[in-house]
Amino acid sequence: MTCPGCGRTIPGLGYWCPDCEEYTVEPGARRSPPWTFTLDLPPNLANGRMHWAEKGRKQAAYVNGCDRRYPVDPALTLPKAEAVITLYVHQTMDRDNAFARCKWTLDWLVRRGYVVDDSPDCLRLEVRQEVDRKNQRIEVSLGALREAKEAK
């Protein structure tokens, strides 16, 4: 696979080129689990108040950014999944705010078809936090629920 912007040769189904800000995908490529995503860190809305229209615009921009970075559809939708989300933040938050900050990312995973639902029946969620003041981001590791694998 070659990046159309800079000509880099990259192995795999697709590649996000930070220089060109383009995601190149082989025709017909589909992603199979387990999945790992590195996304922009959503804004911290837990303790603040924002007008609903502004919040909607920011959420739409966030979802569009996720779609641009990972445009390949999943090969399957996981009925029961487990996710480990690591927030790389400027300063650690309390547990409630950390989970709230993951909401837009979880909604994107459901809309995109990686998981059936983000309810506790369908998704086991673990949220971790690391301090990284220079490169704030959110990393998601998503796979089939281990209990479901063992039952087979």
Protein backbone atom coordinates (compact mmCIF):
# COMPACT_ATOMS: atom_id res chain seq x y z
CA MET A 1 0.00 0.00 0.00
CA THR A 2 1.32 3.44 -0.89
CA CYS A 3 0.27 6.79 0.57
CA PRO A 4 -0.99 8.91 -2.35
CA GLY A 5 0.27 12.13 -0.74
CA CYS A 6 3.87 11.30 0.14
CA GLY A 7 4.49 7.94 -1.54
CA ARG A 8 5.35 5.99 1.63
CA THR A 9 5.00 2.21 1.36
CA ILE A 10 2.94 0.88 4.27
CA PRO A 11 2.02 -2.77 4.98
CA GLY A 12 -1.55 -3.64 5.97
CA LEU A 13 -5.10 -2.68 5.05
CA GLY A 14 -4.74 1.01 5.57
CA TYR A 15 -2.54 3.74 6.96
CA TRP A 16 -3.08 7.14 8.53
CA CYS A 17 -0.39 9.46 7.21
CA PRO A 18 0.19 12.32 9.68
CA ASP A 19 2.06 14.34 7.06
CA CYS A 20 -0.74 14.22 4.49
CA GLU A 21 -3.61 13.80 6.98
CA GLU A 22 -5.03 11.12 4.71
CA TYR A 23 -6.08 7.57 5.39
CA THR A 24 -5.31 5.22 2.54
CA VAL A 25 -7.31 2.01 2.27
CA GLU A 26 -6.97 -0.96 -0.04
CA PRO A 27 -10.16 -1.48 -2.08
CA GLY A 28 -12.51 -3.92 -0.33
CA ALA A 29 -10.49 -3.86 2.90
CA ARG A 30 -12.30 -4.69 6.13
CA ARG A 31 -10.97 -4.66 9.69
CA SER A 32 -11.17 -7.82 11.81
CA PRO A 33 -11.05 -7.93 15.63
CA PRO A 34 -9.27 -7.30 17.89
CA TRP A 35 -9.12 -3.63 17.05
CA THR A 36 -6.91 -0.84 18.34
CA PHE A 37 -7.75 2.82 17.73
CA THR A 38 -5.78 5.95 18.53
CA LEU A 39 -8.08 8.96 18.41
CA ASP A 40 -8.12 12.60 19.41
CA LEU A 41 -9.08 13.21 23.01
CA PRO A 42 -12.69 14.42 23.23
CA PRO A 43 -13.34 17.59 25.22
CA ASN A 44 -13.99 17.29 28.95
CA LEU A 45 -17.66 18.17 29.31
CA ALA A 46 -18.31 16.57 32.69
CA ASN A 47 -18.14 19.67 34.88
CA GLY A 48 -18.82 22.37 32.31
CA ARG A 49 -21.90 23.76 30.70
CA MET A 50 -22.07 24.26 26.97
CA HIS A 51 -24.93 25.38 24.75
CA TRP A 52 -26.58 22.33 23.16
CA ALA A 53 -25.95 23.58 19.61
CA GLU A 54 -22.23 24.15 20.25
CA LYS A 55 -21.99 20.74 21.92
CA GLY A 56 -23.66 19.14 18.88
CA ARG A 57 -21.22 20.84 16.49
CA LYS A 58 -18.23 19.68 18.52
CA GLN A 59 -19.56 16.12 18.70
CA ALA A 60 -20.17 16.04 14.93
CA ALA A 61 -16.64 17.32 14.31
CA TYR A 62 -15.21 14.67 16.64
CA VAL A 63 -17.14 11.85 14.93
CA ASN A 64 -16.07 13.09 11.49
CA GLY A 65 -12.44 13.11 12.65
CA CYS A 66 -12.79 9.50 13.84
CA ASP A 67 -14.35 8.50 10.51
CA ARG A 68 -11.53 10.18 8.56
CA ARG A 69 -8.90 8.38 10.60
CA TYR A 70 -10.62 4.95 10.47
CA PRO A 71 -12.85 4.79 7.38
CA VAL A 72 -12.70 0.99 6.97
CA ASP A 73 -15.86 -0.84 8.01
CA PRO A 74 -15.51 -3.66 10.53
CA ALA A 75 -15.59 -7.21 9.20
CA LEU A 76 -18.18 -8.04 11.87
CA THR A 77 -20.14 -6.46 14.70
CA LEU A 78 -19.34 -7.86 18.13
CA PRO A 79 -22.50 -8.79 20.08
CA LYS A 80 -20.51 -8.91 23.34
CA ALA A 81 -17.24 -7.02 23.59
CA GLU A 82 -14.70 -5.75 26.03
CA ALA A 83 -12.93 -2.43 25.67
CA VAL A 84 -9.92 -1.00 27.45
CA ILE A 85 -9.78 2.74 26.95
CA THR A 86 -6.66 4.63 27.96
CA LEU A 87 -6.96 8.39 28.28
CA TYR A 88 -3.67 10.25 27.89
CA VAL A 89 -4.52 13.52 29.62
CA HIS A 90 -2.88 16.63 31.03
CA GLN A 91 -4.08 15.80 34.53
CA THR A 92 -5.93 12.75 35.86
CA MET A 93 -9.66 13.03 36.50
CA ASP A 94 -11.96 11.30 38.92
CA ARG A 95 -13.61 8.08 37.74
CA ASP A 96 -16.96 9.62 36.78
CA ASN A 97 -15.38 12.29 34.59
CA ALA A 98 -13.06 9.78 32.94
CA PHE A 99 -15.99 7.57 31.94
CA ALA A 100 -18.00 10.58 30.75
CA ARG A 101 -15.10 11.68 28.55
CA CYS A 102 -15.29 8.34 26.70
CA LYS A 103 -18.96 8.77 25.71
CA TRP A 104 -18.43 10.23 22.22
CA THR A 105 -15.86 7.55 21.42
CA LEU A 106 -18.21 4.77 22.52
CA ASP A 107 -21.06 6.29 20.51
CA TRP A 108 -18.79 6.32 17.45
CA LEU A 109 -17.93 2.62 17.93
CA VAL A 110 -21.65 1.76 18.04
CA ARG A 111 -22.58 3.97 15.05
CA ARG A 112 -19.70 2.59 13.03
CA GLY A 113 -20.81 -0.99 13.72
CA TYR A 114 -17.93 -2.31 15.82
CA VAL A 115 -20.20 -3.17 18.77
CA VAL A 116 -23.95 -3.76 18.99
CA ASP A 117 -24.52 -1.39 21.91
CA ASP A 118 -22.57 0.36 24.64
CA SER A 119 -24.83 -0.95 27.41
CA PRO A 120 -23.28 -3.05 30.21
CA ASP A 121 -24.97 -6.16 28.75
CA CYS A 122 -23.02 -5.81 25.49
CA LEU A 123 -19.82 -4.02 26.48
CA ARG A 124 -17.44 -4.53 29.39
CA LEU A 125 -15.55 -1.28 29.79
CA GLU A 126 -12.32 -0.46 31.60
CA VAL A 127 -11.03 3.12 31.61
CA ARG A 128 -7.41 3.91 32.46
CA GLN A 129 -5.62 7.24 32.68
CA GLU A 130 -2.03 8.22 31.97
CA VAL A 131 -0.52 11.69 32.16
CA ASP A 132 0.96 12.83 28.84
CA ARG A 133 0.94 16.60 28.60
CA LYS A 134 2.51 16.73 25.14
CA ASN A 135 0.41 14.15 23.25
CA GLN A 136 -3.11 13.98 24.66
CA ARG A 137 -5.17 11.25 23.02
CA ILE A 138 -7.48 8.33 23.62
CA GLU A 139 -6.50 4.75 22.80
CA VAL A 140 -9.13 2.04 22.51
CA SER A 141 -8.46 -1.71 22.49
CA LEU A 142 -11.62 -3.57 21.51
CA GLY A 143 -12.16 -7.30 21.23
CA ALA A 144 -14.66 -10.08 21.81
CA LEU A 145 -15.61 -10.66 25.42
CA ARG A 146 -13.40 -13.39 26.90
CA GLU A 147 -16.38 -15.19 28.52
CA ALA A 148 -18.03 -15.43 25.11
CA LYS A 149 -14.80 -16.91 23.65
CA GLU A 150 -14.56 -19.52 26.43
CA ALA A 151 -18.21 -20.60 25.99
CA LYS A 152 -17.54 -21.79 22.41
